[in-house]
Amino acid sequence: MPDQPVILETSSPEETEQLGLRLARLLPPKSVVALRGELGTGKTCFVRGMAKHFTGANAVHSPTFTLVNEYGAGPKLYHIDLYRLTSLDEIADLGCAELFDSDALCAVEWAERAEALLPSQYLDVFLEHAGEDCRRVTITNHGVLAEKWAAELRD
């Protein structure tokens, strides 16, 4: 049973990145983060913040054409972008199930396309426009984060 969703708002791309960084610090190894939202809602920006936890670098771009980018040396972050894939077979051929079962953390953009492959425990992050550079970020924990995660994320 998932926790109650936590809704946060950011007012700039930098704040969206910071939220991603704060979340990455709370995630245990082998976590899967399912990122959802329309084009331009900040999914890659959010992952850029997550990647800072693993690399300290800003050099994160959407893996739309490469499909998977890897950051860090241990633990690792796999940034997966399923936008260009149209079938579950294509996603399975990409090796998502193996990545989800690795010791790495996986951030999956357009995760709704891989719904059947997501593990039973994952974190759902839905980003939506909330006016100009503002974003509303709804996070639902499906058994990944420890108790009191919401208070730690807000701090």
N, C-alpha and C. Protein backbone atom coordinates (compact mmCIF):
# COMPACT_ATOMS: atom_id res chain seq x y z
N MET A 1 0.85 -1.18 0.00
CA MET A 1 0.00 0.00 0.00
C MET A 1 0.90 1.24 0.00
N PRO A 2 0.71 2.13 -0.97
CA PRO A 2 1.56 3.32 -1.03
C PRO A 2 1.27 4.31 0.10
N ASP A 3 2.30 5.10 0.43
CA ASP A 3 2.12 6.19 1.39
C ASP A 3 1.23 7.25 0.76
N GLN A 4 0.74 8.16 1.60
CA GLN A 4 0.02 9.32 1.10
C GLN A 4 0.96 10.12 0.20
N PRO A 5 0.46 10.59 -0.95
CA PRO A 5 1.31 11.42 -1.81
C PRO A 5 1.75 12.70 -1.10
N VAL A 6 2.95 13.15 -1.42
CA VAL A 6 3.48 14.41 -0.92
C VAL A 6 3.55 15.35 -2.12
N ILE A 7 2.97 16.52 -1.97
CA ILE A 7 2.96 17.50 -3.06
C ILE A 7 3.85 18.67 -2.67
N LEU A 8 4.83 18.95 -3.53
CA LEU A 8 5.76 20.05 -3.33
C LEU A 8 5.73 20.94 -4.56
N GLU A 9 6.09 22.19 -4.40
CA GLU A 9 6.17 23.09 -5.55
C GLU A 9 7.56 23.69 -5.62
N THR A 10 8.04 23.83 -6.85
CA THR A 10 9.30 24.50 -7.10
C THR A 10 9.00 25.71 -7.97
N SER A 11 9.83 26.75 -7.86
CA SER A 11 9.56 27.97 -8.62
C SER A 11 10.62 28.27 -9.67
N SER A 12 11.56 27.33 -9.88
CA SER A 12 12.59 27.53 -10.89
C SER A 12 13.21 26.18 -11.23
N PRO A 13 13.90 26.11 -12.38
CA PRO A 13 14.61 24.86 -12.70
C PRO A 13 15.64 24.50 -11.62
N GLU A 14 16.28 25.49 -11.04
CA GLU A 14 17.26 25.24 -9.98
C GLU A 14 16.62 24.59 -8.76
N GLU A 15 15.43 25.04 -8.40
CA GLU A 15 14.72 24.43 -7.26
C GLU A 15 14.29 23.01 -7.59
N THR A 16 13.91 22.76 -8.84
CA THR A 16 13.54 21.41 -9.25
C THR A 16 14.77 20.49 -9.15
N GLU A 17 15.93 20.98 -9.58
CA GLU A 17 17.17 20.21 -9.43
C GLU A 17 17.46 19.93 -7.96
N GLN A 18 17.32 20.95 -7.12
CA GLN A 18 17.60 20.78 -5.69
C GLN A 18 16.69 19.73 -5.08
N LEU A 19 15.43 19.70 -5.50
CA LEU A 19 14.51 18.69 -5.00
C LEU A 19 14.98 17.30 -5.41
N GLY A 20 15.44 17.15 -6.66
CA GLY A 20 15.99 15.88 -7.11
C GLY A 20 17.20 15.45 -6.29
N LEU A 21 18.07 16.41 -5.98
CA LEU A 21 19.25 16.12 -5.16
C LEU A 21 18.85 15.67 -3.76
N ARG A 22 17.91 16.38 -3.14
CA ARG A 22 17.46 16.01 -1.79
C ARG A 22 16.85 14.61 -1.78
N LEU A 23 16.07 14.31 -2.82
CA LEU A 23 15.45 12.99 -2.89
C LEU A 23 16.51 11.90 -3.06
N ALA A 24 17.48 12.13 -3.93
CA ALA A 24 18.53 11.12 -4.16
C ALA A 24 19.26 10.76 -2.88
N ARG A 25 19.44 11.72 -2.00
CA ARG A 25 20.13 11.47 -0.73
C ARG A 25 19.33 10.53 0.19
N LEU A 26 18.03 10.45 -0.01
CA LEU A 26 17.17 9.61 0.83
C LEU A 26 16.98 8.20 0.28
N LEU A 27 17.29 8.00 -0.99
CA LEU A 27 16.99 6.74 -1.64
C LEU A 27 18.03 5.65 -1.33
N PRO A 28 17.55 4.47 -0.98
CA PRO A 28 18.49 3.35 -0.79
C PRO A 28 18.93 2.80 -2.15
N PRO A 29 20.03 2.04 -2.18
CA PRO A 29 20.44 1.39 -3.44
C PRO A 29 19.31 0.52 -3.97
N LYS A 30 19.33 0.28 -5.26
CA LYS A 30 18.34 -0.55 -5.95
C LYS A 30 16.97 0.11 -6.05
N SER A 31 16.89 1.41 -5.83
CA SER A 31 15.60 2.11 -5.93
C SER A 31 15.28 2.41 -7.39
N VAL A 32 14.00 2.38 -7.69
CA VAL A 32 13.51 2.78 -9.01
C VAL A 32 12.60 3.98 -8.82
N VAL A 33 12.90 5.05 -9.57
CA VAL A 33 12.11 6.28 -9.52
C VAL A 33 11.40 6.41 -10.86
N ALA A 34 10.08 6.32 -10.82
CA ALA A 34 9.25 6.43 -12.03
C ALA A 34 8.85 7.88 -12.21
N LEU A 35 9.40 8.51 -13.26
CA LEU A 35 9.13 9.93 -13.53
C LEU A 35 8.04 10.04 -14.58
N ARG A 36 7.05 10.86 -14.27
CA ARG A 36 5.90 11.03 -15.17
C ARG A 36 5.62 12.51 -15.34
N GLY A 37 5.00 12.87 -16.45
CA GLY A 37 4.61 14.25 -16.70
C GLY A 37 4.78 14.57 -18.18
N GLU A 38 4.11 15.62 -18.60
CA GLU A 38 4.16 16.04 -19.99
C GLU A 38 5.57 16.50 -20.36
N LEU A 39 5.79 16.69 -21.66
CA LEU A 39 7.04 17.27 -22.14
C LEU A 39 7.26 18.62 -21.48
N GLY A 40 8.48 18.88 -21.09
CA GLY A 40 8.82 20.19 -20.55
C GLY A 40 8.41 20.45 -19.12
N THR A 41 8.06 19.40 -18.38
CA THR A 41 7.66 19.61 -16.99
C THR A 41 8.83 19.51 -16.01
N GLY A 42 10.02 19.16 -16.50
CA GLY A 42 11.18 19.17 -15.63
C GLY A 42 11.71 17.81 -15.20
N LYS A 43 11.32 16.76 -15.91
CA LYS A 43 11.79 15.42 -15.54
C LYS A 43 13.32 15.33 -15.62
N THR A 44 13.89 15.80 -16.72
CA THR A 44 15.35 15.75 -16.87
C THR A 44 16.02 16.68 -15.87
N CYS A 45 15.43 17.81 -15.61
CA CYS A 45 15.95 18.76 -14.62
C CYS A 45 15.99 18.08 -13.24
N PHE A 46 14.95 17.37 -12.90
CA PHE A 46 14.87 16.64 -11.64
C PHE A 46 15.99 15.61 -11.55
N VAL A 47 16.20 14.86 -12.64
CA VAL A 47 17.25 13.84 -12.67
C VAL A 47 18.63 14.50 -12.61
N ARG A 48 18.78 15.67 -13.19
CA ARG A 48 20.06 16.39 -13.10
C ARG A 48 20.43 16.60 -11.63
N GLY A 49 19.45 16.94 -10.82
CA GLY A 49 19.69 17.08 -9.39
C GLY A 49 20.04 15.76 -8.74
N MET A 50 19.35 14.69 -9.13
CA MET A 50 19.66 13.37 -8.59
C MET A 50 21.10 12.99 -8.94
N ALA A 51 21.50 13.25 -10.17
CA ALA A 51 22.85 12.87 -10.62
C ALA A 51 23.93 13.61 -9.85
N LYS A 52 23.64 14.82 -9.41
CA LYS A 52 24.63 15.56 -8.62
C LYS A 52 25.02 14.79 -7.37
N HIS A 53 24.09 14.04 -6.82
CA HIS A 53 24.39 13.22 -5.64
C HIS A 53 25.43 12.16 -5.97
N PHE A 54 25.40 11.65 -7.19
CA PHE A 54 26.29 10.57 -7.59
C PHE A 54 27.60 11.06 -8.20
N THR A 55 27.59 12.24 -8.83
CA THR A 55 28.77 12.70 -9.56
C THR A 55 29.26 14.08 -9.14
N GLY A 56 28.37 14.89 -8.57
CA GLY A 56 28.71 16.27 -8.26
C GLY A 56 28.74 17.16 -9.48
N ALA A 57 28.41 16.62 -10.66
CA ALA A 57 28.50 17.36 -11.91
C ALA A 57 27.13 17.81 -12.41
N ASN A 58 27.16 18.78 -13.30
CA ASN A 58 25.93 19.29 -13.94
C ASN A 58 25.72 18.70 -15.33
N ALA A 59 26.63 17.90 -15.82
CA ALA A 59 26.59 17.44 -17.21
C ALA A 59 25.58 16.31 -17.40
N VAL A 60 24.32 16.61 -17.18
CA VAL A 60 23.26 15.63 -17.36
C VAL A 60 22.35 16.11 -18.48
N HIS A 61 22.09 15.23 -19.43
CA HIS A 61 21.16 15.55 -20.50
C HIS A 61 20.21 14.37 -20.67
N SER A 62 19.10 14.65 -21.31
CA SER A 62 18.12 13.60 -21.51
C SER A 62 18.67 12.55 -22.45
N PRO A 63 18.55 11.28 -22.08
CA PRO A 63 19.06 10.22 -22.95
C PRO A 63 18.04 9.81 -24.02
N THR A 64 17.34 10.79 -24.60
CA THR A 64 16.28 10.49 -25.55
C THR A 64 16.78 9.63 -26.71
N PHE A 65 17.98 9.89 -27.20
CA PHE A 65 18.48 9.12 -28.33
C PHE A 65 19.36 7.95 -27.92
N THR A 66 20.05 8.07 -26.79
CA THR A 66 20.87 6.96 -26.31
C THR A 66 20.07 6.01 -25.44
N LEU A 67 18.95 6.46 -24.94
CA LEU A 67 17.98 5.73 -24.12
C LEU A 67 18.41 5.54 -22.66
N VAL A 68 19.70 5.29 -22.41
CA VAL A 68 20.16 5.10 -21.03
C VAL A 68 21.49 5.84 -20.85
N ASN A 69 21.57 6.67 -19.84
CA ASN A 69 22.84 7.28 -19.43
C ASN A 69 23.18 6.75 -18.05
N GLU A 70 24.47 6.62 -17.79
CA GLU A 70 24.95 6.10 -16.51
C GLU A 70 25.80 7.17 -15.84
N TYR A 71 25.55 7.40 -14.55
CA TYR A 71 26.30 8.39 -13.78
C TYR A 71 26.83 7.76 -12.50
N GLY A 72 28.03 8.18 -12.11
CA GLY A 72 28.62 7.68 -10.87
C GLY A 72 29.42 6.42 -11.08
N ALA A 73 30.13 6.04 -10.03
CA ALA A 73 31.00 4.87 -10.11
C ALA A 73 30.62 3.81 -9.09
N GLY A 74 29.78 4.09 -8.19
CA GLY A 74 29.37 3.12 -7.19
C GLY A 74 28.99 3.83 -5.92
N PRO A 75 27.75 3.95 -5.65
CA PRO A 75 26.64 3.43 -6.46
C PRO A 75 26.45 4.24 -7.74
N LYS A 76 25.72 3.65 -8.66
CA LYS A 76 25.46 4.27 -9.96
C LYS A 76 24.02 4.73 -10.05
N LEU A 77 23.81 5.67 -10.96
CA LEU A 77 22.47 6.11 -11.34
C LEU A 77 22.30 5.82 -12.82
N TYR A 78 21.26 5.07 -13.16
CA TYR A 78 20.88 4.89 -14.56
C TYR A 78 19.72 5.82 -14.84
N HIS A 79 19.90 6.67 -15.85
CA HIS A 79 18.86 7.60 -16.29
C HIS A 79 18.31 7.04 -17.59
N ILE A 80 17.07 6.58 -17.54
CA ILE A 80 16.44 5.90 -18.67
C ILE A 80 15.33 6.79 -19.23
N ASP A 81 15.31 6.97 -20.55
CA ASP A 81 14.28 7.78 -21.20
C ASP A 81 13.54 6.90 -22.20
N LEU A 82 12.27 6.64 -21.92
CA LEU A 82 11.48 5.74 -22.75
C LEU A 82 10.61 6.46 -23.78
N TYR A 83 10.82 7.76 -23.95
CA TYR A 83 9.96 8.57 -24.83
C TYR A 83 9.88 8.02 -26.25
N ARG A 84 10.99 7.58 -26.80
CA ARG A 84 11.02 7.13 -28.20
C ARG A 84 10.59 5.68 -28.38
N LEU A 85 10.37 4.96 -27.29
CA LEU A 85 9.97 3.56 -27.40
C LEU A 85 8.45 3.45 -27.37
N THR A 86 7.92 2.57 -28.19
CA THR A 86 6.46 2.50 -28.33
C THR A 86 5.84 1.20 -27.84
N SER A 87 6.66 0.20 -27.56
CA SER A 87 6.07 -1.06 -27.12
C SER A 87 6.82 -1.61 -25.91
N LEU A 88 6.12 -2.44 -25.17
CA LEU A 88 6.73 -3.08 -24.01
C LEU A 88 7.86 -4.01 -24.43
N ASP A 89 7.75 -4.62 -25.61
CA ASP A 89 8.82 -5.48 -26.12
C ASP A 89 10.11 -4.69 -26.33
N GLU A 90 10.01 -3.47 -26.88
CA GLU A 90 11.19 -2.63 -27.08
C GLU A 90 11.83 -2.28 -25.74
N ILE A 91 10.99 -1.98 -24.77
CA ILE A 91 11.48 -1.62 -23.45
C ILE A 91 12.15 -2.82 -22.78
N ALA A 92 11.53 -3.98 -22.93
CA ALA A 92 12.12 -5.21 -22.37
C ALA A 92 13.46 -5.51 -23.04
N ASP A 93 13.53 -5.31 -24.37
CA ASP A 93 14.79 -5.55 -25.10
C ASP A 93 15.89 -4.59 -24.66
N LEU A 94 15.52 -3.43 -24.17
CA LEU A 94 16.49 -2.46 -23.68
C LEU A 94 17.19 -2.98 -22.42
N GLY A 95 16.55 -3.91 -21.73
CA GLY A 95 17.14 -4.49 -20.53
C GLY A 95 16.72 -3.79 -19.24
N CYS A 96 15.56 -3.14 -19.27
CA CYS A 96 15.10 -2.41 -18.08
C CYS A 96 14.96 -3.32 -16.87
N ALA A 97 14.45 -4.51 -17.05
CA ALA A 97 14.27 -5.40 -15.90
C ALA A 97 15.61 -5.69 -15.23
N GLU A 98 16.66 -5.88 -16.02
CA GLU A 98 17.99 -6.13 -15.46
C GLU A 98 18.52 -4.89 -14.74
N LEU A 99 18.28 -3.71 -15.33
CA LEU A 99 18.72 -2.48 -14.67
C LEU A 99 17.97 -2.28 -13.36
N PHE A 100 16.67 -2.56 -13.35
CA PHE A 100 15.87 -2.42 -12.13
C PHE A 100 16.35 -3.37 -11.05
N ASP A 101 16.92 -4.50 -11.44
CA ASP A 101 17.36 -5.52 -10.49
C ASP A 101 18.83 -5.36 -10.09
N SER A 102 19.49 -4.33 -10.63
CA SER A 102 20.90 -4.11 -10.30
C SER A 102 21.02 -3.37 -8.97
N ASP A 103 22.24 -3.14 -8.54
CA ASP A 103 22.47 -2.40 -7.29
C ASP A 103 22.35 -0.89 -7.50
N ALA A 104 22.15 -0.47 -8.73
CA ALA A 104 22.08 0.95 -9.06
C ALA A 104 20.69 1.52 -8.77
N LEU A 105 20.65 2.82 -8.72
CA LEU A 105 19.37 3.54 -8.65
C LEU A 105 18.96 3.83 -10.09
N CYS A 106 17.69 3.66 -10.41
CA CYS A 106 17.20 3.91 -11.77
C CYS A 106 16.15 5.02 -11.75
N ALA A 107 16.36 6.03 -12.59
CA ALA A 107 15.39 7.10 -12.78
C ALA A 107 14.83 6.92 -14.19
N VAL A 108 13.52 6.70 -14.31
CA VAL A 108 12.91 6.33 -15.57
C VAL A 108 11.93 7.41 -16.03
N GLU A 109 12.31 8.14 -17.08
CA GLU A 109 11.38 9.11 -17.66
C GLU A 109 10.39 8.37 -18.55
N TRP A 110 9.14 8.83 -18.53
CA TRP A 110 8.04 8.21 -19.27
C TRP A 110 7.80 6.78 -18.75
N ALA A 111 7.85 6.64 -17.45
CA ALA A 111 7.75 5.33 -16.80
C ALA A 111 6.42 4.63 -17.06
N GLU A 112 5.39 5.38 -17.40
CA GLU A 112 4.10 4.74 -17.68
C GLU A 112 4.20 3.76 -18.84
N ARG A 113 5.19 3.91 -19.69
CA ARG A 113 5.38 3.00 -20.83
C ARG A 113 5.97 1.66 -20.38
N ALA A 114 6.52 1.62 -19.17
CA ALA A 114 7.12 0.39 -18.64
C ALA A 114 6.37 -0.09 -17.40
N GLU A 115 5.15 0.31 -17.25
CA GLU A 115 4.38 0.00 -16.04
C GLU A 115 4.45 -1.48 -15.66
N ALA A 116 4.31 -2.36 -16.63
CA ALA A 116 4.31 -3.80 -16.36
C ALA A 116 5.67 -4.32 -15.91
N LEU A 117 6.74 -3.55 -16.17
CA LEU A 117 8.08 -3.99 -15.79
C LEU A 117 8.58 -3.38 -14.49
N LEU A 118 7.87 -2.37 -13.99
CA LEU A 118 8.30 -1.73 -12.75
C LEU A 118 8.25 -2.73 -11.59
N PRO A 119 9.22 -2.66 -10.70
CA PRO A 119 9.18 -3.55 -9.53
C PRO A 119 8.01 -3.19 -8.62
N SER A 120 7.69 -4.05 -7.69
CA SER A 120 6.56 -3.79 -6.79
C SER A 120 6.85 -2.61 -5.86
N GLN A 121 8.13 -2.38 -5.58
CA GLN A 121 8.52 -1.24 -4.74
C GLN A 121 9.23 -0.22 -5.63
N TYR A 122 8.67 0.98 -5.70
CA TYR A 122 9.25 2.05 -6.49
C TYR A 122 8.73 3.38 -5.97
N LEU A 123 9.31 4.44 -6.46
CA LEU A 123 8.89 5.78 -6.08
C LEU A 123 8.30 6.44 -7.31
N ASP A 124 7.12 6.97 -7.18
CA ASP A 124 6.43 7.62 -8.29
C ASP A 124 6.58 9.13 -8.15
N VAL A 125 7.08 9.80 -9.19
CA VAL A 125 7.27 11.24 -9.18
C VAL A 125 6.55 11.81 -10.39
N PHE A 126 5.50 12.59 -10.14
CA PHE A 126 4.71 13.19 -11.21
C PHE A 126 4.96 14.70 -11.21
N LEU A 127 5.46 15.21 -12.32
CA LEU A 127 5.75 16.64 -12.44
C LEU A 127 4.74 17.28 -13.38
N GLU A 128 4.26 18.46 -13.00
CA GLU A 128 3.33 19.18 -13.87
C GLU A 128 3.57 20.68 -13.78
N HIS A 129 3.18 21.36 -14.85
CA HIS A 129 3.31 22.81 -14.90
C HIS A 129 2.40 23.44 -13.85
N ALA A 130 2.92 24.47 -13.18
CA ALA A 130 2.12 25.20 -12.18
C ALA A 130 2.27 26.71 -12.41
N GLY A 131 2.49 27.10 -13.68
CA GLY A 131 2.64 28.50 -14.03
C GLY A 131 4.09 28.88 -14.23
N GLU A 132 4.41 29.48 -15.36
CA GLU A 132 5.74 29.93 -15.75
C GLU A 132 6.80 28.87 -15.42
N ASP A 133 7.77 29.18 -14.56
CA ASP A 133 8.82 28.22 -14.22
C ASP A 133 8.45 27.33 -13.03
N CYS A 134 7.25 27.49 -12.52
CA CYS A 134 6.82 26.72 -11.34
C CYS A 134 6.40 25.31 -11.75
N ARG A 135 6.70 24.36 -10.87
CA ARG A 135 6.31 22.97 -11.08
C ARG A 135 5.68 22.44 -9.81
N ARG A 136 4.65 21.63 -9.99
CA ARG A 136 4.05 20.89 -8.89
C ARG A 136 4.58 19.47 -9.01
N VAL A 137 5.17 18.97 -7.93
CA VAL A 137 5.80 17.65 -7.93
C VAL A 137 5.08 16.80 -6.89
N THR A 138 4.44 15.74 -7.37
CA THR A 138 3.72 14.83 -6.50
C THR A 138 4.53 13.54 -6.39
N ILE A 139 4.92 13.20 -5.16
CA ILE A 139 5.76 12.04 -4.92
C ILE A 139 4.97 11.03 -4.09
N THR A 140 4.90 9.81 -4.61
CA THR A 140 4.21 8.72 -3.92
C THR A 140 5.19 7.58 -3.70
N ASN A 141 5.35 7.21 -2.44
CA ASN A 141 6.26 6.14 -2.05
C ASN A 141 5.53 4.80 -2.07
N HIS A 142 6.05 3.90 -2.88
CA HIS A 142 5.53 2.53 -2.94
C HIS A 142 6.55 1.60 -2.30
N GLY A 143 6.83 1.79 -1.00
CA GLY A 143 7.67 0.88 -0.25
C GLY A 143 9.17 1.08 -0.39
N VAL A 144 9.62 2.20 -0.94
CA VAL A 144 11.06 2.43 -1.14
C VAL A 144 11.68 3.21 0.01
N LEU A 145 11.05 4.28 0.41
CA LEU A 145 11.63 5.20 1.40
C LEU A 145 11.24 4.83 2.82
N ALA A 146 12.14 5.13 3.74
CA ALA A 146 11.91 4.86 5.16
C ALA A 146 10.86 5.81 5.72
N GLU A 147 10.36 5.45 6.88
CA GLU A 147 9.39 6.28 7.59
C GLU A 147 9.95 7.69 7.77
N LYS A 148 9.09 8.66 7.76
CA LYS A 148 9.42 10.09 7.93
C LYS A 148 10.18 10.68 6.74
N TRP A 149 10.14 10.01 5.60
CA TRP A 149 10.83 10.51 4.41
C TRP A 149 10.29 11.85 3.97
N ALA A 150 8.99 12.07 4.10
CA ALA A 150 8.40 13.32 3.63
C ALA A 150 8.94 14.51 4.40
N ALA A 151 9.07 14.37 5.72
CA ALA A 151 9.59 15.47 6.54
C ALA A 151 11.06 15.73 6.18
N GLU A 152 11.83 14.68 5.96
CA GLU A 152 13.24 14.85 5.58
C GLU A 152 13.37 15.52 4.22
N LEU A 153 12.48 15.19 3.30
CA LEU A 153 12.54 15.78 1.96
C LEU A 153 12.21 17.27 2.00
N ARG A 154 11.29 17.64 2.87
CA ARG A 154 10.89 19.04 2.96
C ARG A 154 11.97 19.91 3.62
N ASP A 155 12.79 19.33 4.50
CA ASP A 155 13.81 20.10 5.24
C ASP A 155 14.91 20.62 4.33
